[in-house]
Each structure stands twice: as C-alpha cells, then as structure tokens.
C-alpha cells in the first residue's frame, strides 16, 4: 500500500529538520592553536555553547571555522578584572600580545 505524497513529504521535512537541529550543536570547520612554532591543539567541528580550554596557553590561533570566537586569558572563558578578551572572526588568525598574556580558553561569540 502506497503512502500519500503529502505524508511522504511531511516525513522528509521532519527528517531534514532533525538533521539540521543535530548539526546546529557543532561549529563547522577547524581551529588550530599554537604556542610559538609548536602546534598545541587542532579541533574539528567543536561543540558550540560551551567553554573550550586549551591544554596549555597558546600564542596564535587560526580560526578556519564558519563561526566567530572569543579568546580568553583565563581557563574558564571569563574576563579577569582589568583584563579583556579577543574577538576572532571566522576564517581569520590572531596572535597574543605580551601585554595580554597567553590565551587559555575560547568560546563562541553570540551571533
């Protein structure tokens, strides 16, 4: 027995919605973190909505994701008193300056 076309179309739309919702929890692309010339960490499609801690402080970040991030000098994605954070747009790179210190974590910018 064949299902009516409208039922098949609704089932297809529901499946597509479920797939898109599942993908929305991860950023698309790759982030590479360096300390000097040494690669510290490479992340592919990391989950969004959480703070990501680098295994050690990093001096250079390459954001090859389709998401903007914020870099922090703290391990918990907070801005210390008198400190700041660094906004890094998608498909760009940045280096820490001596006055701010090493980056220790990052989170995704509100979009």
N, C-alpha and C. Protein backbone atom coordinates (compact mmCIF):
# COMPACT_ATOMS: atom_id res chain seq x y z
N UNK A 1 0.84 -1.16 0.00
CA UNK A 1 0.00 0.00 0.00
C UNK A 1 0.90 1.25 0.00
N UNK A 2 0.66 2.16 -0.87
CA UNK A 2 1.47 3.36 -1.00
C UNK A 2 0.96 4.46 -0.09
N UNK A 3 1.92 5.20 0.49
CA UNK A 3 1.56 6.34 1.34
C UNK A 3 1.25 7.53 0.44
N UNK A 4 0.32 8.35 0.85
CA UNK A 4 0.03 9.55 0.07
C UNK A 4 1.28 10.45 0.01
N UNK A 5 1.39 11.21 -1.08
CA UNK A 5 2.57 12.05 -1.26
C UNK A 5 2.74 13.07 -0.14
N UNK A 6 1.64 13.60 0.36
CA UNK A 6 1.75 14.61 1.42
C UNK A 6 2.37 14.00 2.68
N UNK A 7 2.03 12.76 3.00
CA UNK A 7 2.61 12.10 4.17
C UNK A 7 4.10 11.87 3.97
N UNK A 8 4.49 11.46 2.77
CA UNK A 8 5.91 11.25 2.48
C UNK A 8 6.68 12.56 2.54
N UNK A 9 6.09 13.63 2.03
CA UNK A 9 6.74 14.94 2.07
C UNK A 9 6.91 15.42 3.50
N UNK A 10 5.88 15.25 4.34
CA UNK A 10 5.98 15.67 5.73
C UNK A 10 7.05 14.86 6.48
N UNK A 11 7.13 13.58 6.19
CA UNK A 11 8.15 12.74 6.83
C UNK A 11 9.54 13.20 6.41
N UNK A 12 9.71 13.56 5.15
CA UNK A 12 11.01 14.05 4.65
C UNK A 12 11.38 15.37 5.29
N UNK A 13 10.44 16.27 5.45
CA UNK A 13 10.69 17.56 6.07
C UNK A 13 11.06 17.37 7.54
N UNK A 14 10.37 16.48 8.22
CA UNK A 14 10.67 16.21 9.63
C UNK A 14 12.08 15.64 9.79
N UNK A 15 12.47 14.75 8.91
CA UNK A 15 13.81 14.16 8.95
C UNK A 15 14.86 15.23 8.70
N UNK A 16 14.65 16.09 7.72
CA UNK A 16 15.58 17.17 7.43
C UNK A 16 15.71 18.11 8.62
N UNK A 17 14.61 18.43 9.26
CA UNK A 17 14.65 19.29 10.44
C UNK A 17 15.45 18.67 11.57
N UNK A 18 15.30 17.37 11.78
CA UNK A 18 16.06 16.68 12.82
C UNK A 18 17.55 16.69 12.53
N UNK A 19 17.91 16.50 11.28
CA UNK A 19 19.32 16.51 10.89
C UNK A 19 19.91 17.91 11.08
N UNK A 20 19.21 18.94 10.66
CA UNK A 20 19.70 20.30 10.81
C UNK A 20 19.83 20.70 12.28
N UNK A 21 18.93 20.26 13.10
CA UNK A 21 18.99 20.56 14.53
C UNK A 21 20.20 19.89 15.16
N UNK A 22 20.49 18.67 14.79
CA UNK A 22 21.65 17.96 15.33
C UNK A 22 22.94 18.64 14.92
N UNK A 23 23.03 19.15 13.72
CA UNK A 23 24.24 19.80 13.24
C UNK A 23 24.44 21.16 13.87
N UNK A 24 23.40 21.78 14.36
CA UNK A 24 23.49 23.13 14.90
C UNK A 24 24.28 23.17 16.21
N UNK A 25 24.51 22.03 16.85
CA UNK A 25 25.23 21.99 18.11
C UNK A 25 26.74 21.99 17.93
N UNK A 26 27.23 21.93 16.70
CA UNK A 26 28.66 21.92 16.43
C UNK A 26 28.99 23.01 15.41
N UNK A 27 30.17 23.60 15.60
CA UNK A 27 30.67 24.57 14.63
C UNK A 27 31.21 23.80 13.43
N UNK A 28 31.16 24.41 12.28
CA UNK A 28 31.65 23.78 11.08
C UNK A 28 33.03 24.32 10.76
N UNK A 29 34.01 23.44 10.71
CA UNK A 29 35.36 23.85 10.35
C UNK A 29 36.38 23.40 11.37
N UNK A 30 37.54 24.05 11.33
CA UNK A 30 38.67 23.62 12.15
C UNK A 30 39.34 24.82 12.82
N UNK A 31 39.80 24.61 14.05
CA UNK A 31 40.55 25.61 14.78
C UNK A 31 41.91 25.02 15.14
N UNK A 32 42.98 25.78 14.89
CA UNK A 32 44.32 25.32 15.23
C UNK A 32 44.95 26.32 16.20
N UNK A 33 45.52 25.81 17.30
CA UNK A 33 46.14 26.64 18.32
C UNK A 33 47.62 26.29 18.43
N UNK A 34 48.46 27.32 18.50
CA UNK A 34 49.91 27.14 18.55
C UNK A 34 50.48 27.85 19.77
N UNK A 35 51.60 27.35 20.24
CA UNK A 35 52.42 28.06 21.22
C UNK A 35 53.77 28.22 20.56
N UNK A 36 54.05 29.43 20.09
CA UNK A 36 55.25 29.65 19.28
C UNK A 36 55.08 28.90 17.96
N UNK A 37 56.07 28.11 17.61
CA UNK A 37 56.01 27.33 16.37
C UNK A 37 55.37 25.96 16.57
N UNK A 38 55.07 25.60 17.81
CA UNK A 38 54.56 24.25 18.11
C UNK A 38 53.03 24.22 18.11
N UNK A 39 52.46 23.25 17.38
CA UNK A 39 51.01 23.05 17.36
C UNK A 39 50.59 22.44 18.69
N UNK A 40 49.66 23.11 19.39
CA UNK A 40 49.18 22.66 20.69
C UNK A 40 47.92 21.81 20.54
N UNK A 41 47.01 22.26 19.66
CA UNK A 41 45.73 21.56 19.54
C UNK A 41 45.08 21.88 18.20
N UNK A 42 44.42 20.88 17.63
CA UNK A 42 43.58 21.06 16.45
C UNK A 42 42.19 20.53 16.80
N UNK A 43 41.18 21.35 16.61
CA UNK A 43 39.79 20.95 16.87
C UNK A 43 39.00 21.00 15.57
N UNK A 44 38.28 19.95 15.28
CA UNK A 44 37.42 19.90 14.10
C UNK A 44 35.97 19.84 14.55
N UNK A 45 35.16 20.75 14.03
CA UNK A 45 33.72 20.81 14.33
C UNK A 45 33.43 20.73 15.83
N UNK A 46 34.04 21.63 16.62
CA UNK A 46 33.82 21.55 18.07
C UNK A 46 32.39 21.93 18.45
N UNK A 47 31.91 21.41 19.58
CA UNK A 47 30.56 21.74 20.03
C UNK A 47 30.46 23.22 20.42
N UNK A 48 29.34 23.82 20.13
CA UNK A 48 29.10 25.22 20.49
C UNK A 48 28.42 25.27 21.84
N UNK A 49 28.29 26.46 22.39
CA UNK A 49 27.56 26.62 23.65
C UNK A 49 28.34 26.20 24.87
N UNK A 50 29.64 26.04 24.75
CA UNK A 50 30.46 25.64 25.88
C UNK A 50 31.80 26.34 25.83
N UNK A 51 32.49 26.37 26.95
CA UNK A 51 33.83 26.94 27.02
C UNK A 51 34.83 25.83 26.68
N UNK A 52 35.78 26.13 25.82
CA UNK A 52 36.81 25.17 25.43
C UNK A 52 38.14 25.60 26.03
N UNK A 53 38.76 24.74 26.81
CA UNK A 53 40.03 25.04 27.45
C UNK A 53 41.16 24.46 26.61
N UNK A 54 42.17 25.29 26.33
CA UNK A 54 43.36 24.79 25.64
C UNK A 54 44.19 23.98 26.64
N UNK A 55 44.87 22.91 26.18
CA UNK A 55 45.66 22.09 27.10
C UNK A 55 46.79 22.88 27.76
N UNK A 56 47.23 23.94 27.12
CA UNK A 56 48.22 24.86 27.68
C UNK A 56 48.00 26.22 27.02
N UNK A 57 48.63 27.25 27.51
CA UNK A 57 48.47 28.57 26.93
C UNK A 57 48.93 28.60 25.48
N UNK A 58 48.26 29.38 24.66
CA UNK A 58 48.61 29.46 23.24
C UNK A 58 48.90 30.91 22.85
N UNK A 59 49.74 31.06 21.83
CA UNK A 59 50.14 32.39 21.36
C UNK A 59 49.52 32.75 20.02
N UNK A 60 49.00 31.76 19.30
CA UNK A 60 48.48 32.00 17.95
C UNK A 60 47.30 31.07 17.69
N UNK A 61 46.22 31.61 17.14
CA UNK A 61 45.03 30.82 16.82
C UNK A 61 44.63 31.07 15.38
N UNK A 62 44.40 30.00 14.64
CA UNK A 62 43.87 30.05 13.28
C UNK A 62 42.43 29.55 13.33
N UNK A 63 41.48 30.42 13.03
CA UNK A 63 40.07 30.08 13.06
C UNK A 63 39.60 29.80 11.63
N UNK A 64 39.57 28.54 11.26
CA UNK A 64 39.10 28.13 9.93
C UNK A 64 37.68 27.57 10.02
N UNK A 65 36.92 28.10 10.96
CA UNK A 65 35.53 27.67 11.14
C UNK A 65 34.60 28.70 10.52
N UNK A 66 33.35 28.34 10.41
CA UNK A 66 32.33 29.26 9.92
C UNK A 66 31.63 29.96 11.08
N UNK A 67 32.34 30.08 12.20
CA UNK A 67 31.82 30.73 13.40
C UNK A 67 32.85 31.69 13.96
N UNK A 68 32.37 32.74 14.60
CA UNK A 68 33.24 33.69 15.28
C UNK A 68 33.48 33.21 16.71
N UNK A 69 34.68 33.47 17.24
CA UNK A 69 35.00 33.02 18.59
C UNK A 69 35.54 34.19 19.40
N UNK A 70 35.61 33.98 20.71
CA UNK A 70 36.21 34.93 21.64
C UNK A 70 37.29 34.17 22.40
N UNK A 71 38.51 34.74 22.42
CA UNK A 71 39.65 34.15 23.11
C UNK A 71 39.81 34.80 24.48
N UNK A 72 40.15 33.98 25.50
CA UNK A 72 40.28 34.46 26.87
C UNK A 72 41.63 34.07 27.45
N UNK A 73 42.13 34.87 28.39
CA UNK A 73 43.37 34.54 29.08
C UNK A 73 43.12 33.66 30.30
N UNK A 74 41.87 33.43 30.63
CA UNK A 74 41.50 32.56 31.75
C UNK A 74 41.13 31.19 31.21
N UNK A 75 41.10 30.20 32.10
CA UNK A 75 40.77 28.83 31.71
C UNK A 75 39.27 28.58 31.64
N UNK A 76 38.46 29.54 32.09
CA UNK A 76 37.02 29.31 32.16
C UNK A 76 36.19 30.31 31.35
N UNK A 77 36.80 30.91 30.32
CA UNK A 77 36.10 31.83 29.42
C UNK A 77 35.50 33.02 30.15
N UNK A 78 36.21 33.52 31.15
CA UNK A 78 35.78 34.73 31.84
C UNK A 78 36.82 35.82 31.61
N UNK A 79 36.40 37.05 31.77
CA UNK A 79 37.31 38.18 31.62
C UNK A 79 37.74 38.60 33.02
N UNK A 80 39.06 38.54 33.32
CA UNK A 80 39.51 38.95 34.65
C UNK A 80 39.37 40.45 34.84
N UNK A 81 39.30 40.87 36.08
CA UNK A 81 39.18 42.30 36.37
C UNK A 81 40.36 43.05 35.76
N UNK A 82 40.06 44.07 35.01
CA UNK A 82 41.09 44.85 34.36
C UNK A 82 41.63 44.20 33.09
N UNK A 83 41.13 43.01 32.77
CA UNK A 83 41.59 42.30 31.57
C UNK A 83 40.63 42.46 30.43
N UNK A 84 40.80 41.67 29.43
CA UNK A 84 39.93 41.74 28.27
C UNK A 84 39.86 40.40 27.56
N UNK A 85 39.18 40.40 26.46
CA UNK A 85 39.08 39.21 25.61
C UNK A 85 39.36 39.65 24.18
N UNK A 86 39.55 38.69 23.30
CA UNK A 86 39.86 39.00 21.90
C UNK A 86 38.84 38.33 21.01
N UNK A 87 38.16 39.11 20.20
CA UNK A 87 37.18 38.60 19.23
C UNK A 87 37.94 38.17 17.98
N UNK A 88 37.67 36.97 17.51
CA UNK A 88 38.33 36.45 16.31
C UNK A 88 37.26 35.97 15.34
N UNK A 89 37.11 36.69 14.25
CA UNK A 89 36.07 36.35 13.27
C UNK A 89 36.43 35.08 12.51
N UNK A 90 35.43 34.55 11.86
CA UNK A 90 35.60 33.32 11.08
C UNK A 90 36.64 33.50 9.98
N UNK A 91 37.35 32.45 9.69
CA UNK A 91 38.35 32.42 8.61
C UNK A 91 39.45 33.46 8.82
N UNK A 92 39.91 33.64 10.08
CA UNK A 92 40.99 34.59 10.34
C UNK A 92 41.94 34.05 11.40
N UNK A 93 43.03 34.77 11.65
CA UNK A 93 44.05 34.37 12.62
C UNK A 93 44.39 35.55 13.50
N UNK A 94 44.95 35.25 14.66
CA UNK A 94 45.40 36.31 15.55
C UNK A 94 46.51 35.77 16.44
N UNK A 95 47.36 36.69 16.92
CA UNK A 95 48.44 36.34 17.84
C UNK A 95 48.27 37.10 19.13
N UNK A 96 48.57 36.44 20.24
CA UNK A 96 48.51 37.09 21.54
C UNK A 96 49.66 38.08 21.64
N UNK A 97 49.43 39.18 22.30
CA UNK A 97 50.50 40.15 22.53
C UNK A 97 51.01 39.98 23.97
N UNK A 98 52.22 40.38 24.21
CA UNK A 98 52.83 40.18 25.53
C UNK A 98 52.04 40.85 26.65
N UNK A 99 51.38 41.96 26.36
CA UNK A 99 50.65 42.67 27.41
C UNK A 99 49.40 41.91 27.88
N UNK A 100 48.81 41.07 27.04
CA UNK A 100 47.61 40.34 27.45
C UNK A 100 47.93 38.97 28.03
N UNK A 101 49.03 38.38 27.65
CA UNK A 101 49.37 37.04 28.10
C UNK A 101 48.82 35.98 27.16
N UNK A 102 49.05 34.73 27.50
CA UNK A 102 48.63 33.60 26.66
C UNK A 102 47.12 33.40 26.74
N UNK A 103 46.56 32.89 25.65
CA UNK A 103 45.15 32.52 25.66
C UNK A 103 45.03 31.13 26.25
N UNK A 104 44.04 30.94 27.11
CA UNK A 104 43.87 29.66 27.79
C UNK A 104 42.52 29.00 27.49
N UNK A 105 41.60 29.76 26.86
CA UNK A 105 40.29 29.17 26.52
C UNK A 105 39.63 30.00 25.43
N UNK A 106 38.55 29.43 24.88
CA UNK A 106 37.74 30.17 23.92
C UNK A 106 36.31 29.71 23.98
N UNK A 107 35.43 30.59 23.55
CA UNK A 107 34.01 30.29 23.43
C UNK A 107 33.50 30.89 22.13
N UNK A 108 32.30 30.54 21.77
CA UNK A 108 31.72 31.04 20.53
C UNK A 108 31.01 32.36 20.79
N UNK A 109 31.22 33.31 19.89
CA UNK A 109 30.60 34.63 20.01
C UNK A 109 29.11 34.51 19.77
N UNK A 110 28.34 35.31 20.46
CA UNK A 110 26.89 35.34 20.23
C UNK A 110 26.64 35.85 18.81
N UNK A 111 25.81 35.17 18.11
CA UNK A 111 25.51 35.55 16.73
C UNK A 111 24.09 35.97 16.60
